[in-house]
C-alpha atoms as a PDB file:
ATOM      1  CA  MET A   1       0.003  -0.038  -0.035  1.00  0.00           C
ATOM      2  CA  LEU A   2       1.329   3.485  -0.801  1.00  0.00           C
ATOM      3  CA  SER A   3       1.545   5.992   1.874  1.00  0.00           C
ATOM      4  CA  SER A   4       1.982   9.690   1.717  1.00  0.00           C
ATOM      5  CA  CYS A   5       4.799  11.611   3.517  1.00  0.00           C
ATOM      6  CA  GLU A   6       4.715  15.179   4.588  1.00  0.00           C
ATOM      7  CA  PRO A   7       6.993  17.514   2.662  1.00  0.00           C
ATOM      8  CA  ALA A   8      10.068  18.740   4.423  1.00  0.00           C
ATOM      9  CA  THR A   9       9.796  22.261   5.845  1.00  0.00           C
ATOM     10  CA  PRO A  10      12.312  24.729   4.287  1.00  0.00           C
ATOM     11  CA  VAL A  11      14.999  26.172   6.553  1.00  0.00           C
ATOM     12  CA  GLN A  12      13.959  29.701   7.613  1.00  0.00           C
ATOM     13  CA  ASP A  13      17.464  31.056   8.461  1.00  0.00           C
ATOM     14  CA  ALA A  14      18.781  33.941   6.363  1.00  0.00           C
ATOM     15  CA  PRO A  15      21.044  32.568   3.499  1.00  0.00           C
ATOM     16  CA  ALA A  16      24.741  33.423   3.552  1.00  0.00           C
ATOM     17  CA  LEU A  17      25.885  35.843   0.934  1.00  0.00           C
ATOM     18  CA  GLY A  18      26.187  34.163  -2.536  1.00  0.00           C
ATOM     19  CA  HIS A  19      24.144  30.990  -1.427  1.00  0.00           C
ATOM     20  CA  GLU A  20      20.609  30.185  -2.330  1.00  0.00           C
ATOM     21  CA  GLN A  21      17.920  29.481   0.282  1.00  0.00           C
ATOM     22  CA  PRO A  22      17.383  25.574   0.513  1.00  0.00           C
ATOM     23  CA  ARG A  23      14.189  24.448  -1.327  1.00  0.00           C
ATOM     24  CA  ALA A  24      11.472  22.310   0.207  1.00  0.00           C
ATOM     25  CA  THR A  25      11.734  18.659  -1.031  1.00  0.00           C
ATOM     26  CA  ALA A  26       8.960  16.903  -2.713  1.00  0.00           C
ATOM     27  CA  PRO A  27       7.225  14.122  -0.756  1.00  0.00           C
ATOM     28  CA  THR A  28       8.908  10.681  -1.085  1.00  0.00           C
ATOM     29  CA  VAL A  29       6.937   7.891  -2.725  1.00  0.00           C
ATOM     30  CA  GLU A  30       7.058   4.673  -0.649  1.00  0.00           C
ATOM     31  CA  LEU A  31       6.501   1.329  -2.236  1.00  0.00           C
ATOM     32  CA  ASP A  32       6.281  -2.037  -0.443  1.00  0.00           C
ATOM     33  CA  SER A  33       8.893  -4.472  -1.751  1.00  0.00           C
ATOM     34  CA  LEU A  34       6.264  -7.180  -2.132  1.00  0.00           C
ATOM     35  CA  ARG A  35       4.329  -4.886  -4.516  1.00  0.00           C
ATOM     36  CA  LEU A  36       7.495  -3.949  -6.414  1.00  0.00           C
ATOM     37  CA  LEU A  37       8.737  -7.573  -6.825  1.00  0.00           C
ATOM     38  CA  GLN A  38       5.226  -8.987  -7.471  1.00  0.00           C
ATOM     39  CA  GLY A  39       6.186 -12.376  -6.058  1.00  0.00           C
ATOM     40  CA  GLN A  40       9.378 -12.681  -7.917  1.00  0.00           C
ATOM     41  CA  ARG A  41      12.924 -12.997  -6.456  1.00  0.00           C
ATOM     42  CA  GLU A  42      14.345 -10.529  -8.981  1.00  0.00           C
ATOM     43  CA  VAL A  43      13.228  -7.668 -11.206  1.00  0.00           C
ATOM     44  CA  ARG A  44      14.971  -5.709 -13.915  1.00  0.00           C
ATOM     45  CA  ILE A  45      14.732  -1.884 -13.705  1.00  0.00           C
ATOM     46  CA  ARG A  46      15.628   0.431 -16.638  1.00  0.00           C
ATOM     47  CA  HIS A  47      16.962   3.763 -15.650  1.00  0.00           C
ATOM     48  CA  GLY A  48      17.696   5.889 -18.769  1.00  0.00           C
ATOM     49  CA  ASN A  49      19.888   3.664 -21.001  1.00  0.00           C
ATOM     50  CA  GLU A  50      21.015   1.466 -18.141  1.00  0.00           C
ATOM     51  CA  TRP A  51      19.448  -1.791 -16.775  1.00  0.00           C
ATOM     52  CA  TYR A  52      19.735  -2.757 -13.080  1.00  0.00           C
ATOM     53  CA  ARG A  53      18.734  -5.891 -11.217  1.00  0.00           C
ATOM     54  CA  LEU A  54      16.927  -5.788  -7.863  1.00  0.00           C
ATOM     55  CA  ARG A  55      17.238  -9.088  -6.078  1.00  0.00           C
ATOM     56  CA  HIS A  56      15.504 -10.441  -2.863  1.00  0.00           C
ATOM     57  CA  THR A  57      18.108 -12.694  -1.252  1.00  0.00           C
ATOM     58  CA  ARG A  58      17.544 -15.765   0.957  1.00  0.00           C
ATOM     59  CA  ASN A  59      18.643 -13.681   3.967  1.00  0.00           C
ATOM     60  CA  ASP A  60      15.663 -11.309   3.277  1.00  0.00           C
ATOM     61  CA  LYS A  61      17.871  -8.464   1.932  1.00  0.00           C
ATOM     62  CA  LEU A  62      17.538  -6.414  -1.228  1.00  0.00           C
ATOM     63  CA  ILE A  63      20.436  -5.937  -3.489  1.00  0.00           C
ATOM     64  CA  LEU A  64      20.509  -3.586  -6.380  1.00  0.00           C
ATOM     65  CA  THR A  65      23.278  -4.233  -9.001  1.00  0.00           C
ATOM     66  CA  LYS A  66      24.072  -2.698 -12.463  1.00  0.00           C
END
């Protein structure tokens, strides 16, 4: 199930000379690994022109490799 997260609050301190004020970050999307893997032990993920493997190990860990 997806859950929503509260966006981070921007820092209110005055910026130093020559530096931008930090921006608020967008909420982070959270996915359950069961939903992402859909019952499989491994999925391939394309990011741009590159492919990655996300594996669920026997020790219940997730490993992302290129």
